């Protein structure tokens, strides 16, 4: 195994973006009712994290077939450290209440592309 910081330096050295983000894999741990009850406060927390610039992306994931919704979710945070990302994930009302539990990993974004279209008169933004 290679040390994370060593790999990150190697990626930067070859010209990759090497943007370090944090992935939260969130899974149901309580009853479906507990998840539903905590949804409004969870969404409010997500909006707050987005406003702070800490939330990069978030949303549900499918089962392995791609056909079913299992209640799993993926959250991507921008943070200064693993500890800070863990604090953010732990403070999410879903996790704090025990309705969901999470695992946390670092993610090094090296390649890819995003497109953003902004309608100046409509205020409509489309990310693809």
N, C-alpha and C. Protein backbone atom coordinates (compact mmCIF):
# COMPACT_ATOMS: atom_id res chain seq x y z
N UNK A 1 0.83 -1.19 0.00
CA UNK A 1 0.00 0.00 0.00
C UNK A 1 0.88 1.26 0.00
N UNK A 2 0.39 2.28 -0.66
CA UNK A 2 1.09 3.56 -0.74
C UNK A 2 0.43 4.53 0.24
N UNK A 3 1.22 5.32 0.93
CA UNK A 3 0.68 6.35 1.82
C UNK A 3 -0.11 7.36 0.99
N UNK A 4 -1.22 7.82 1.55
CA UNK A 4 -2.11 8.75 0.85
C UNK A 4 -1.36 10.01 0.42
N UNK A 5 -0.62 10.62 1.31
CA UNK A 5 0.08 11.88 0.99
C UNK A 5 1.12 11.66 -0.11
N UNK A 6 1.73 10.50 -0.12
CA UNK A 6 2.71 10.18 -1.16
C UNK A 6 2.01 10.08 -2.52
N UNK A 7 0.87 9.39 -2.55
CA UNK A 7 0.12 9.25 -3.79
C UNK A 7 -0.38 10.61 -4.28
N UNK A 8 -0.85 11.43 -3.36
CA UNK A 8 -1.34 12.77 -3.70
C UNK A 8 -0.22 13.60 -4.36
N UNK A 9 0.98 13.54 -3.80
CA UNK A 9 2.12 14.27 -4.38
C UNK A 9 2.47 13.73 -5.76
N UNK A 10 2.41 12.43 -5.92
CA UNK A 10 2.69 11.82 -7.22
C UNK A 10 1.67 12.28 -8.26
N UNK A 11 0.40 12.31 -7.88
CA UNK A 11 -0.65 12.75 -8.79
C UNK A 11 -0.43 14.20 -9.22
N UNK A 12 -0.14 15.06 -8.26
CA UNK A 12 0.15 16.47 -8.59
C UNK A 12 1.36 16.59 -9.51
N UNK A 13 2.37 15.79 -9.22
CA UNK A 13 3.59 15.80 -10.01
C UNK A 13 3.38 15.45 -11.47
N UNK A 14 2.38 14.63 -11.75
CA UNK A 14 2.11 14.26 -13.14
C UNK A 14 1.06 15.17 -13.78
N UNK A 15 0.66 16.23 -13.04
CA UNK A 15 -0.24 17.22 -13.62
C UNK A 15 -1.71 17.00 -13.34
N UNK A 16 -2.04 16.04 -12.48
CA UNK A 16 -3.45 15.80 -12.14
C UNK A 16 -3.96 16.90 -11.21
N UNK A 17 -5.26 17.08 -11.17
CA UNK A 17 -5.86 18.08 -10.30
C UNK A 17 -5.55 17.81 -8.84
N UNK A 18 -5.64 16.57 -8.40
CA UNK A 18 -5.36 16.16 -7.02
C UNK A 18 -6.16 16.99 -6.02
N UNK A 19 -7.46 17.11 -6.27
CA UNK A 19 -8.36 17.82 -5.37
C UNK A 19 -8.86 16.82 -4.33
N UNK A 20 -8.52 17.07 -3.08
CA UNK A 20 -8.91 16.16 -2.01
C UNK A 20 -10.29 16.53 -1.48
N UNK A 21 -11.21 15.57 -1.59
CA UNK A 21 -12.57 15.72 -1.08
C UNK A 21 -12.85 14.54 -0.16
N UNK A 22 -14.02 14.55 0.46
CA UNK A 22 -14.38 13.50 1.41
C UNK A 22 -15.73 12.90 1.05
N UNK A 23 -15.78 11.57 0.95
CA UNK A 23 -17.00 10.85 0.59
C UNK A 23 -17.64 10.27 1.83
N UNK A 24 -18.93 10.56 1.99
CA UNK A 24 -19.71 10.00 3.08
C UNK A 24 -20.71 9.03 2.47
N UNK A 25 -20.58 7.76 2.79
CA UNK A 25 -21.54 6.74 2.36
C UNK A 25 -22.52 6.57 3.50
N UNK A 26 -23.74 7.05 3.30
CA UNK A 26 -24.76 7.09 4.35
C UNK A 26 -25.80 6.01 4.10
N UNK A 27 -26.05 5.18 5.11
CA UNK A 27 -27.00 4.07 4.98
C UNK A 27 -28.02 4.11 6.12
N UNK A 28 -29.24 3.65 5.84
CA UNK A 28 -30.24 3.60 6.90
C UNK A 28 -29.78 2.72 8.06
N UNK A 29 -30.02 3.18 9.27
CA UNK A 29 -29.67 2.41 10.46
C UNK A 29 -30.87 2.26 11.38
N UNK A 30 -31.83 3.15 11.23
CA UNK A 30 -33.03 3.11 12.05
C UNK A 30 -34.22 2.70 11.21
N UNK A 31 -35.37 2.95 11.72
CA UNK A 31 -36.60 2.61 11.00
C UNK A 31 -36.82 3.57 9.83
N UNK A 32 -37.60 3.15 8.83
CA UNK A 32 -37.94 4.07 7.75
C UNK A 32 -38.62 5.35 8.26
N UNK A 33 -39.38 5.21 9.35
CA UNK A 33 -40.04 6.38 9.94
C UNK A 33 -39.02 7.37 10.50
N UNK A 34 -37.95 6.85 11.12
CA UNK A 34 -36.90 7.72 11.68
C UNK A 34 -36.22 8.50 10.56
N UNK A 35 -35.97 7.84 9.45
CA UNK A 35 -35.36 8.51 8.29
C UNK A 35 -36.30 9.60 7.79
N UNK A 36 -37.57 9.26 7.63
CA UNK A 36 -38.56 10.22 7.14
C UNK A 36 -38.71 11.40 8.11
N UNK A 37 -38.73 11.13 9.40
CA UNK A 37 -38.88 12.19 10.40
C UNK A 37 -37.70 13.16 10.39
N UNK A 38 -36.51 12.66 10.08
CA UNK A 38 -35.31 13.50 10.09
C UNK A 38 -35.02 14.15 8.75
N UNK A 39 -35.79 13.83 7.73
CA UNK A 39 -35.53 14.36 6.39
C UNK A 39 -35.56 15.89 6.33
N UNK A 40 -36.56 16.58 6.88
CA UNK A 40 -36.55 18.05 6.80
C UNK A 40 -35.31 18.69 7.43
N UNK A 41 -34.90 18.23 8.61
CA UNK A 41 -33.73 18.81 9.25
C UNK A 41 -32.45 18.42 8.52
N UNK A 42 -32.42 17.23 7.94
CA UNK A 42 -31.27 16.80 7.13
C UNK A 42 -31.11 17.70 5.91
N UNK A 43 -32.22 17.97 5.21
CA UNK A 43 -32.16 18.83 4.02
C UNK A 43 -31.79 20.26 4.38
N UNK A 44 -32.25 20.72 5.51
CA UNK A 44 -31.86 22.05 5.99
C UNK A 44 -30.36 22.09 6.28
N UNK A 45 -29.85 21.04 6.89
CA UNK A 45 -28.42 20.95 7.17
C UNK A 45 -27.62 20.92 5.86
N UNK A 46 -28.10 20.17 4.88
CA UNK A 46 -27.41 20.11 3.58
C UNK A 46 -27.35 21.51 2.94
N UNK A 47 -28.47 22.24 3.00
CA UNK A 47 -28.48 23.61 2.45
C UNK A 47 -27.47 24.51 3.18
N UNK A 48 -27.40 24.36 4.50
CA UNK A 48 -26.45 25.14 5.30
C UNK A 48 -25.01 24.80 4.90
N UNK A 49 -24.73 23.51 4.70
CA UNK A 49 -23.37 23.09 4.30
C UNK A 49 -23.05 23.60 2.89
N UNK A 50 -24.05 23.60 2.02
CA UNK A 50 -23.86 24.13 0.67
C UNK A 50 -23.55 25.62 0.72
N UNK A 51 -24.29 26.36 1.53
CA UNK A 51 -24.07 27.81 1.67
C UNK A 51 -22.67 28.10 2.21
N UNK A 52 -22.21 27.27 3.13
CA UNK A 52 -20.86 27.43 3.71
C UNK A 52 -19.76 27.07 2.71
N UNK A 53 -20.14 26.40 1.63
CA UNK A 53 -19.15 25.95 0.65
C UNK A 53 -18.55 24.60 0.98
N UNK A 54 -19.11 23.91 1.97
CA UNK A 54 -18.57 22.62 2.39
C UNK A 54 -19.19 21.44 1.64
N UNK A 55 -20.42 21.61 1.15
CA UNK A 55 -21.10 20.52 0.44
C UNK A 55 -20.82 20.65 -1.05
N UNK A 56 -20.22 19.62 -1.61
CA UNK A 56 -19.91 19.61 -3.04
C UNK A 56 -21.07 18.99 -3.81
N UNK A 57 -21.46 17.79 -3.43
CA UNK A 57 -22.54 17.05 -4.08
C UNK A 57 -23.19 16.15 -3.04
N UNK A 58 -24.47 15.83 -3.25
CA UNK A 58 -25.14 14.88 -2.37
C UNK A 58 -26.37 14.33 -3.06
N UNK A 59 -26.71 13.10 -2.74
CA UNK A 59 -27.92 12.51 -3.28
C UNK A 59 -27.96 11.01 -3.09
N UNK A 60 -29.10 10.41 -3.42
CA UNK A 60 -29.27 8.96 -3.24
C UNK A 60 -28.53 8.16 -4.31
N UNK A 61 -28.26 6.91 -3.99
CA UNK A 61 -27.68 5.97 -4.96
C UNK A 61 -28.62 4.77 -5.09
N UNK A 62 -28.52 4.09 -6.23
CA UNK A 62 -29.37 2.93 -6.49
C UNK A 62 -28.75 1.67 -5.91
N UNK A 63 -29.47 0.57 -6.04
CA UNK A 63 -28.89 -0.73 -5.74
C UNK A 63 -27.91 -1.07 -6.87
N UNK A 64 -27.28 -2.24 -6.77
CA UNK A 64 -26.26 -2.60 -7.77
C UNK A 64 -26.84 -2.82 -9.16
N UNK A 65 -28.12 -3.13 -9.27
CA UNK A 65 -28.73 -3.33 -10.59
C UNK A 65 -29.07 -2.00 -11.25
N UNK A 66 -29.19 -0.95 -10.45
CA UNK A 66 -29.60 0.34 -10.97
C UNK A 66 -31.10 0.50 -11.07
N UNK A 67 -31.84 -0.51 -10.62
CA UNK A 67 -33.30 -0.50 -10.76
C UNK A 67 -34.05 -0.09 -9.50
N UNK A 68 -33.43 -0.20 -8.35
CA UNK A 68 -34.13 0.01 -7.09
C UNK A 68 -33.46 1.09 -6.24
N UNK A 69 -34.30 1.79 -5.48
CA UNK A 69 -33.84 2.76 -4.50
C UNK A 69 -33.73 2.04 -3.17
N UNK A 70 -32.53 2.01 -2.58
CA UNK A 70 -32.32 1.31 -1.32
C UNK A 70 -32.27 2.24 -0.12
N UNK A 71 -32.22 3.51 -0.35
CA UNK A 71 -32.11 4.44 0.77
C UNK A 71 -30.69 4.81 1.11
N UNK A 72 -29.74 4.32 0.32
CA UNK A 72 -28.33 4.71 0.49
C UNK A 72 -28.14 6.10 -0.08
N UNK A 73 -27.18 6.83 0.45
CA UNK A 73 -26.87 8.15 -0.09
C UNK A 73 -25.38 8.40 -0.07
N UNK A 74 -24.95 9.28 -0.94
CA UNK A 74 -23.55 9.67 -1.02
C UNK A 74 -23.47 11.18 -0.85
N UNK A 75 -22.60 11.62 0.04
CA UNK A 75 -22.38 13.03 0.30
C UNK A 75 -20.91 13.31 0.06
N UNK A 76 -20.61 14.38 -0.65
CA UNK A 76 -19.22 14.77 -0.90
C UNK A 76 -18.98 16.10 -0.22
N UNK A 77 -18.02 16.11 0.70
CA UNK A 77 -17.68 17.32 1.44
C UNK A 77 -16.32 17.87 1.03
N UNK A 78 -16.21 19.17 1.13
CA UNK A 78 -14.94 19.88 1.03
C UNK A 78 -14.55 20.21 2.47
N UNK A 79 -13.40 19.73 2.93
CA UNK A 79 -12.98 19.94 4.31
C UNK A 79 -11.46 20.05 4.38
N UNK A 80 -10.97 20.59 5.48
CA UNK A 80 -9.53 20.75 5.68
C UNK A 80 -8.86 19.47 6.15
N UNK A 81 -9.64 18.54 6.70
CA UNK A 81 -9.06 17.31 7.22
C UNK A 81 -10.13 16.23 7.36
N UNK A 82 -9.67 15.02 7.58
CA UNK A 82 -10.57 13.89 7.82
C UNK A 82 -11.40 14.16 9.08
N UNK A 83 -10.77 14.70 10.10
CA UNK A 83 -11.50 15.00 11.34
C UNK A 83 -12.60 16.02 11.11
N UNK A 84 -12.32 17.06 10.33
CA UNK A 84 -13.34 18.07 10.04
C UNK A 84 -14.49 17.45 9.24
N UNK A 85 -14.18 16.62 8.27
CA UNK A 85 -15.21 15.96 7.47
C UNK A 85 -16.05 15.04 8.36
N UNK A 86 -15.40 14.33 9.29
CA UNK A 86 -16.13 13.45 10.20
C UNK A 86 -17.07 14.26 11.09
N UNK A 87 -16.61 15.42 11.56
CA UNK A 87 -17.46 16.30 12.37
C UNK A 87 -18.69 16.76 11.58
N UNK A 88 -18.48 17.12 10.31
CA UNK A 88 -19.60 17.55 9.47
C UNK A 88 -20.61 16.42 9.29
N UNK A 89 -20.11 15.23 8.98
CA UNK A 89 -21.00 14.09 8.77
C UNK A 89 -21.73 13.72 10.06
N UNK A 90 -21.03 13.76 11.17
CA UNK A 90 -21.63 13.42 12.46
C UNK A 90 -22.71 14.41 12.88
N UNK A 91 -22.56 15.67 12.47
CA UNK A 91 -23.52 16.72 12.83
C UNK A 91 -24.78 16.67 11.97
N UNK A 92 -24.77 15.92 10.89
CA UNK A 92 -25.97 15.78 10.05
C UNK A 92 -27.07 15.16 10.91
N UNK A 93 -28.24 15.77 10.95
CA UNK A 93 -29.32 15.25 11.79
C UNK A 93 -29.66 13.77 11.55
N UNK A 94 -29.49 13.29 10.33
CA UNK A 94 -29.74 11.87 10.06
C UNK A 94 -28.79 10.99 10.85
N UNK A 95 -27.52 11.39 10.88
CA UNK A 95 -26.51 10.59 11.58
C UNK A 95 -26.57 10.84 13.08
N UNK A 96 -26.76 12.08 13.44
CA UNK A 96 -26.83 12.46 14.85
C UNK A 96 -27.97 11.74 15.58
N UNK A 97 -29.09 11.57 14.88
CA UNK A 97 -30.27 10.93 15.49
C UNK A 97 -30.18 9.40 15.50
N UNK A 98 -29.27 8.85 14.72
CA UNK A 98 -29.18 7.39 14.61
C UNK A 98 -30.06 6.80 13.52
N UNK A 99 -30.76 7.66 12.78
CA UNK A 99 -31.60 7.17 11.68
C UNK A 99 -30.75 6.59 10.56
N UNK A 100 -29.54 7.13 10.42
CA UNK A 100 -28.60 6.65 9.41
C UNK A 100 -27.23 6.55 10.06
N UNK A 101 -26.35 5.75 9.46
CA UNK A 101 -24.95 5.70 9.87
C UNK A 101 -24.10 5.90 8.63
N UNK A 102 -22.82 6.19 8.83
CA UNK A 102 -21.99 6.51 7.68
C UNK A 102 -20.59 5.94 7.80
N UNK A 103 -19.97 5.81 6.63
CA UNK A 103 -18.53 5.57 6.55
C UNK A 103 -17.95 6.76 5.79
N UNK A 104 -16.70 7.05 6.05
CA UNK A 104 -16.04 8.23 5.49
C UNK A 104 -14.74 7.82 4.83
N UNK A 105 -14.50 8.36 3.65
CA UNK A 105 -13.25 8.11 2.92
C UNK A 105 -12.76 9.41 2.28
N UNK A 106 -11.46 9.49 2.09
CA UNK A 106 -10.91 10.58 1.27
C UNK A 106 -11.10 10.20 -0.19
N UNK A 107 -11.25 11.22 -1.04
CA UNK A 107 -11.37 11.01 -2.49
C UNK A 107 -10.46 12.01 -3.16
N UNK A 108 -9.58 11.55 -3.99
CA UNK A 108 -8.68 12.43 -4.74
C UNK A 108 -9.20 12.54 -6.17
N UNK A 109 -9.73 13.70 -6.50
CA UNK A 109 -10.28 13.94 -7.84
C UNK A 109 -9.12 14.33 -8.74
N UNK A 110 -8.86 13.52 -9.75
CA UNK A 110 -7.74 13.77 -10.65
C UNK A 110 -8.17 14.16 -12.05
N UNK A 111 -9.20 13.50 -12.58
CA UNK A 111 -9.60 13.72 -13.96
C UNK A 111 -11.11 13.91 -14.05
N UNK A 112 -11.54 14.38 -15.21
CA UNK A 112 -12.97 14.52 -15.50
C UNK A 112 -13.28 15.90 -16.05
N UNK A 113 -14.56 16.15 -16.27
CA UNK A 113 -14.97 17.46 -16.74
C UNK A 113 -16.40 17.74 -16.28
N UNK A 114 -16.71 18.99 -16.13
CA UNK A 114 -18.05 19.45 -15.80
C UNK A 114 -18.42 20.56 -16.76
N UNK A 115 -19.68 20.68 -17.06
CA UNK A 115 -20.17 21.79 -17.88
C UNK A 115 -21.26 22.50 -17.11
N UNK A 116 -21.24 23.81 -17.16
CA UNK A 116 -22.24 24.62 -16.49
C UNK A 116 -22.79 25.62 -17.48
N UNK A 117 -24.12 25.61 -17.63
CA UNK A 117 -24.78 26.57 -18.51
C UNK A 117 -25.67 27.44 -17.63
N UNK A 118 -25.49 28.76 -17.72
CA UNK A 118 -26.27 29.71 -16.92
C UNK A 118 -27.05 30.60 -17.86
N UNK A 119 -28.38 30.60 -17.72
CA UNK A 119 -29.24 31.51 -18.49
C UNK A 119 -29.23 32.88 -17.83
N UNK A 120 -28.67 33.86 -18.46
CA UNK A 120 -28.54 35.18 -17.84
C UNK A 120 -29.86 35.87 -17.62
N UNK A 121 -30.82 35.69 -18.52
CA UNK A 121 -32.12 36.35 -18.32
C UNK A 121 -33.09 35.49 -17.51
N UNK A 122 -32.87 34.17 -17.50
CA UNK A 122 -33.79 33.28 -16.78
C UNK A 122 -33.28 32.91 -15.40
N UNK A 123 -31.99 33.03 -15.19
CA UNK A 123 -31.41 32.61 -13.91
C UNK A 123 -31.33 31.10 -13.78
N UNK A 124 -31.58 30.40 -14.85
CA UNK A 124 -31.56 28.93 -14.85
C UNK A 124 -30.14 28.44 -15.02
N UNK A 125 -29.75 27.50 -14.19
CA UNK A 125 -28.42 26.90 -14.29
C UNK A 125 -28.58 25.39 -14.51
N UNK A 126 -27.76 24.87 -15.42
CA UNK A 126 -27.78 23.44 -15.71
C UNK A 126 -26.34 22.93 -15.63
N UNK A 127 -26.16 21.93 -14.78
CA UNK A 127 -24.86 21.30 -14.63
C UNK A 127 -24.92 19.96 -15.33
N UNK A 128 -23.92 19.68 -16.18
CA UNK A 128 -23.90 18.39 -16.85
C UNK A 128 -22.50 17.86 -16.92
